[in-house]
N, C-alpha and C. Protein backbone atom coordinates (compact mmCIF):
# COMPACT_ATOMS: atom_id res chain seq x y z
N MET A 1 102.50 88.61 95.62
CA MET A 1 100.69 89.52 96.51
C MET A 1 100.24 90.00 96.10
N GLN A 2 98.85 89.72 96.24
CA GLN A 2 97.81 90.35 95.52
C GLN A 2 97.62 91.73 96.66
N MET A 3 97.24 93.29 96.17
CA MET A 3 97.78 94.27 96.99
C MET A 3 96.38 94.53 97.74
N GLY A 4 95.39 93.09 98.07
CA GLY A 4 94.91 92.66 99.43
C GLY A 4 95.01 92.35 100.65
N TRP A 5 95.69 91.55 100.55
CA TRP A 5 97.10 90.77 101.31
C TRP A 5 98.30 91.34 101.73
N LEU A 6 98.60 92.31 100.91
CA LEU A 6 99.57 94.12 101.25
C LEU A 6 99.03 93.91 102.55
N ILE A 7 97.67 94.64 101.87
CA ILE A 7 96.88 96.29 102.95
C ILE A 7 96.68 95.11 104.09
N LEU A 8 95.60 93.94 104.12
CA LEU A 8 95.42 93.26 105.31
C LEU A 8 97.04 92.96 106.51
N TYR A 9 98.33 92.35 105.42
CA TYR A 9 99.29 92.81 106.21
C TYR A 9 99.98 93.73 106.85
N MET A 10 99.77 94.66 106.01
CA MET A 10 100.57 96.47 107.08
C MET A 10 99.40 96.45 108.12
N ILE A 11 98.06 96.10 107.67
CA ILE A 11 97.10 96.49 108.51
C ILE A 11 97.87 95.78 110.09
N LEU A 12 97.63 94.44 110.32
CA LEU A 12 97.99 93.77 111.55
C LEU A 12 99.50 94.08 111.63
N ILE A 13 100.77 94.30 110.89
CA ILE A 13 101.67 94.07 111.18
C ILE A 13 102.01 96.01 112.65
N ASN A 14 101.48 96.42 111.71
CA ASN A 14 100.97 97.51 112.50
C ASN A 14 100.50 97.73 113.46
N ALA A 15 99.38 97.10 113.65
CA ALA A 15 98.93 97.07 115.08
C ALA A 15 99.49 95.93 115.87
N VAL A 16 99.91 95.28 115.76
CA VAL A 16 101.22 94.61 117.15
C VAL A 16 102.61 95.33 117.02
N GLY A 17 102.19 96.23 116.10
CA GLY A 17 103.94 97.02 116.44
C GLY A 17 103.38 98.24 117.65
N ALA A 18 102.47 98.56 117.12
CA ALA A 18 101.41 99.96 117.68
C ALA A 18 101.59 99.65 119.60
N GLY A 19 100.61 98.50 119.14
CA GLY A 19 100.84 97.17 120.98
C GLY A 19 101.62 97.64 120.81
N VAL A 20 102.86 96.16 120.80
CA VAL A 20 103.42 95.80 121.63
C VAL A 20 104.93 98.00 122.34
N PHE A 21 104.57 98.71 121.06
CA PHE A 21 105.22 99.68 121.13
C PHE A 21 105.29 100.39 122.75
N ALA A 22 103.36 100.72 122.50
CA ALA A 22 102.06 101.49 123.88
C ALA A 22 102.90 100.44 124.66
N TRP A 23 102.47 99.85 124.40
CA TRP A 23 103.13 98.43 126.05
C TRP A 23 104.24 98.93 126.88
N ASP A 24 105.53 98.97 125.78
CA ASP A 24 106.83 99.24 126.28
C ASP A 24 106.52 100.83 127.24
N LYS A 25 105.84 101.64 125.96
CA LYS A 25 105.95 102.51 127.12
C LYS A 25 104.99 102.41 128.20
N HIS A 26 104.19 101.48 128.07
CA HIS A 26 103.23 101.28 129.97
C HIS A 26 104.44 101.21 130.94
N LEU A 27 105.14 100.20 130.27
CA LEU A 27 106.76 99.61 131.00
C LEU A 27 107.19 99.78 132.25
N ALA A 28 108.38 101.13 131.50
CA ALA A 28 108.27 101.77 131.05
C ALA A 28 107.94 103.26 132.34
N ARG A 29 106.77 103.31 131.97
CA ARG A 29 105.84 104.23 133.11
C ARG A 29 105.92 103.57 134.37
N GLN A 30 105.85 102.87 134.62
CA GLN A 30 105.80 101.66 135.55
C GLN A 30 106.98 100.74 136.47
N GLY A 31 107.68 101.46 134.99
CA GLY A 31 109.77 101.13 135.47
C GLY A 31 109.86 99.52 136.38
N ARG A 32 109.36 98.94 135.39
CA ARG A 32 109.27 97.54 135.00
C ARG A 32 110.39 97.55 133.73
N GLU A 33 110.31 95.92 133.81
CA GLU A 33 111.76 95.48 132.86
C GLU A 33 111.51 95.68 131.38
N ARG A 34 111.07 96.43 130.12
CA ARG A 34 110.78 96.76 128.94
C ARG A 34 111.31 95.77 127.94
N ILE A 35 110.35 96.03 127.16
CA ILE A 35 110.99 95.30 125.62
C ILE A 35 112.17 96.06 125.50
N PRO A 36 113.32 94.81 124.56
CA PRO A 36 114.42 95.04 124.17
C PRO A 36 114.17 95.78 122.67
N GLU A 37 115.15 96.86 122.75
CA GLU A 37 114.51 97.30 121.33
C GLU A 37 115.11 96.44 120.04
N ARG A 38 115.69 95.64 120.49
CA ARG A 38 115.91 95.21 118.72
C ARG A 38 114.68 94.41 118.34
N THR A 39 113.64 93.79 119.58
CA THR A 39 112.56 93.62 119.64
C THR A 39 111.67 95.17 118.03
N LEU A 40 111.54 95.95 119.06
CA LEU A 40 110.51 96.61 118.10
C LEU A 40 110.86 96.89 117.30
N HIS A 41 112.43 97.48 116.78
CA HIS A 41 112.73 96.82 115.10
C HIS A 41 112.09 95.59 114.25
N LEU A 42 112.80 94.83 115.11
CA LEU A 42 111.75 93.86 114.54
C LEU A 42 110.72 94.19 113.95
N LEU A 43 109.56 94.74 114.69
CA LEU A 43 108.25 94.55 114.12
C LEU A 43 108.68 96.08 113.51
N GLU A 44 109.50 97.11 113.48
CA GLU A 44 109.03 97.60 112.31
C GLU A 44 109.84 97.16 111.02
N ALA A 45 110.86 96.55 110.89
CA ALA A 45 111.81 96.09 109.92
C ALA A 45 110.61 95.49 109.15
N LEU A 46 109.76 94.20 110.17
CA LEU A 46 108.43 93.88 109.23
C LEU A 46 107.20 94.80 108.85
N GLY A 47 106.94 95.92 108.72
CA GLY A 47 106.57 96.66 108.33
C GLY A 47 105.51 97.67 109.60
N GLY A 48 105.71 97.02 110.34
CA GLY A 48 104.45 97.98 111.76
C GLY A 48 105.47 99.45 111.54
N CYS A 49 106.82 99.77 110.81
CA CYS A 49 107.27 100.86 111.13
C CYS A 49 106.21 102.36 111.00
N PHE A 50 105.23 101.68 110.72
CA PHE A 50 104.23 103.62 110.14
C PHE A 50 103.36 103.41 112.24
N ALA A 51 102.81 102.79 112.31
CA ALA A 51 102.25 103.09 113.49
C ALA A 51 102.38 103.76 114.73
N THR A 52 104.38 102.49 114.66
CA THR A 52 105.73 103.09 115.35
C THR A 52 105.77 104.62 115.70
N LEU A 53 106.31 105.10 114.02
CA LEU A 53 106.11 106.37 113.95
C LEU A 53 105.32 107.87 114.53
N LEU A 54 104.21 106.82 114.13
CA LEU A 54 102.87 107.80 114.36
C LEU A 54 103.14 107.85 116.27
N LEU A 55 103.49 106.90 116.77
CA LEU A 55 103.03 106.80 118.35
C LEU A 55 104.34 106.99 119.18
N MET A 56 104.80 107.25 118.52
CA MET A 56 107.07 107.91 118.92
C MET A 56 106.14 109.42 118.64
N TYR A 57 105.25 109.68 117.90
CA TYR A 57 104.95 111.75 118.59
C TYR A 57 103.61 111.58 119.49
N LEU A 58 102.62 110.88 119.30
CA LEU A 58 101.73 110.74 119.51
C LEU A 58 102.23 110.47 121.54
N ILE A 59 102.70 109.12 121.86
CA ILE A 59 102.61 108.86 123.07
C ILE A 59 104.44 109.00 123.86
N ARG A 60 104.75 110.09 122.98
CA ARG A 60 106.08 110.97 123.49
C ARG A 60 107.43 109.16 124.15
N HIS A 61 107.06 108.26 123.13
CA HIS A 61 108.07 107.37 123.95
C HIS A 61 109.16 106.76 122.89
N LYS A 62 110.31 107.09 123.26
CA LYS A 62 112.10 106.85 122.67
C LYS A 62 112.27 108.45 121.83
N ASN A 63 111.29 109.05 121.88
CA ASN A 63 111.26 110.23 121.88
C ASN A 63 112.55 111.98 121.38
N ARG A 64 113.90 110.87 122.90
CA ARG A 64 114.87 110.88 123.09
C ARG A 64 116.05 110.73 122.56
N LYS A 65 115.96 109.71 121.30
CA LYS A 65 116.55 108.80 121.19
C LYS A 65 116.77 109.01 119.58
N PRO A 66 118.19 110.19 119.32
CA PRO A 66 118.61 109.93 117.84
C PRO A 66 118.09 108.56 117.26
N ALA A 67 119.51 108.28 117.80
CA ALA A 67 119.89 106.31 116.83
C ALA A 67 118.06 105.60 116.88
N TYR A 68 117.19 105.71 117.74
CA TYR A 68 116.29 105.65 117.36
C TYR A 68 115.39 105.54 116.08
N TYR A 69 115.26 107.39 116.12
CA TYR A 69 114.38 108.11 115.59
C TYR A 69 115.36 107.97 113.91
N LEU A 70 116.07 106.97 113.58
CA LEU A 70 117.05 106.74 112.75
C LEU A 70 116.47 105.69 111.96
N TRP A 71 116.96 104.51 113.13
CA TRP A 71 116.28 103.18 112.66
C TRP A 71 114.90 103.30 111.61
N THR A 72 113.84 103.68 112.71
CA THR A 72 112.30 103.80 112.38
C THR A 72 112.42 104.18 110.79
N TRP A 73 112.67 105.94 110.83
CA TRP A 73 112.79 106.36 109.38
C TRP A 73 113.53 106.07 107.93
N GLY A 74 114.49 105.02 108.80
CA GLY A 74 115.51 104.45 107.57
C GLY A 74 113.89 103.43 106.96
N PHE A 75 113.61 102.49 108.45
CA PHE A 75 112.19 101.45 108.08
C PHE A 75 110.93 102.06 107.39
N VAL A 76 110.73 103.04 108.02
CA VAL A 76 109.53 104.02 106.40
C VAL A 76 109.81 104.50 105.23
N ALA A 77 111.49 104.87 105.12
CA ALA A 77 111.64 104.41 102.72
C ALA A 77 111.74 103.54 102.95
N VAL A 78 112.22 102.70 104.09
CA VAL A 78 111.90 100.94 102.34
C VAL A 78 110.54 100.90 102.60
N TRP A 79 109.88 100.85 103.36
CA TRP A 79 108.58 100.35 103.22
C TRP A 79 107.40 101.45 101.90
N THR A 80 107.85 102.70 102.37
CA THR A 80 107.42 103.03 101.34
C THR A 80 108.16 102.47 100.05
N ALA A 81 109.06 102.90 99.97
CA ALA A 81 109.67 102.97 98.28
C ALA A 81 108.88 101.23 97.95
N MET A 82 109.38 100.31 98.48
CA MET A 82 107.98 99.13 98.51
C MET A 82 107.41 99.54 98.05
N ILE A 83 106.59 99.71 98.52
CA ILE A 83 104.49 99.88 98.70
C ILE A 83 104.51 100.73 97.32
N VAL A 84 105.18 101.89 96.69
CA VAL A 84 104.79 102.57 95.83
C VAL A 84 105.37 102.00 95.06
N ASN A 85 106.93 100.92 94.65
CA ASN A 85 107.09 100.28 93.62
C ASN A 85 105.83 99.19 93.53
N LYS A 86 105.59 98.71 94.83
CA LYS A 86 104.00 97.42 94.46
C LYS A 86 102.62 98.05 93.50
N LEU A 87 102.42 99.55 93.51
CA LEU A 87 101.52 100.35 93.09
C LEU A 87 102.25 100.74 92.63
N THR A 88 103.25 100.99 91.83
CA THR A 88 103.39 101.23 89.61
C THR A 88 103.16 100.66 89.02
N ARG A 89 103.28 99.22 89.83
CA ARG A 89 104.15 98.21 88.20
C ARG A 89 102.91 97.90 88.12
């Protein structure tokens, strides 16, 4: 994958992940049925973990769930390692 495509992919997946994460916060405020954490974590695993991590602090969503933090930080670590590996080749 060329670097341009990787950047575009990361922008898109993080935008989608941020939108879904923010929508889940909206649903929580409304007291409506929520987006499953499995879905949120899938978007993080696909690369949307950076926006999710930022939003966890900015909109204070999922900030009382240590297990959620662990998964999110784990995905950030894996994606950071993969990106650094790609940049250093």
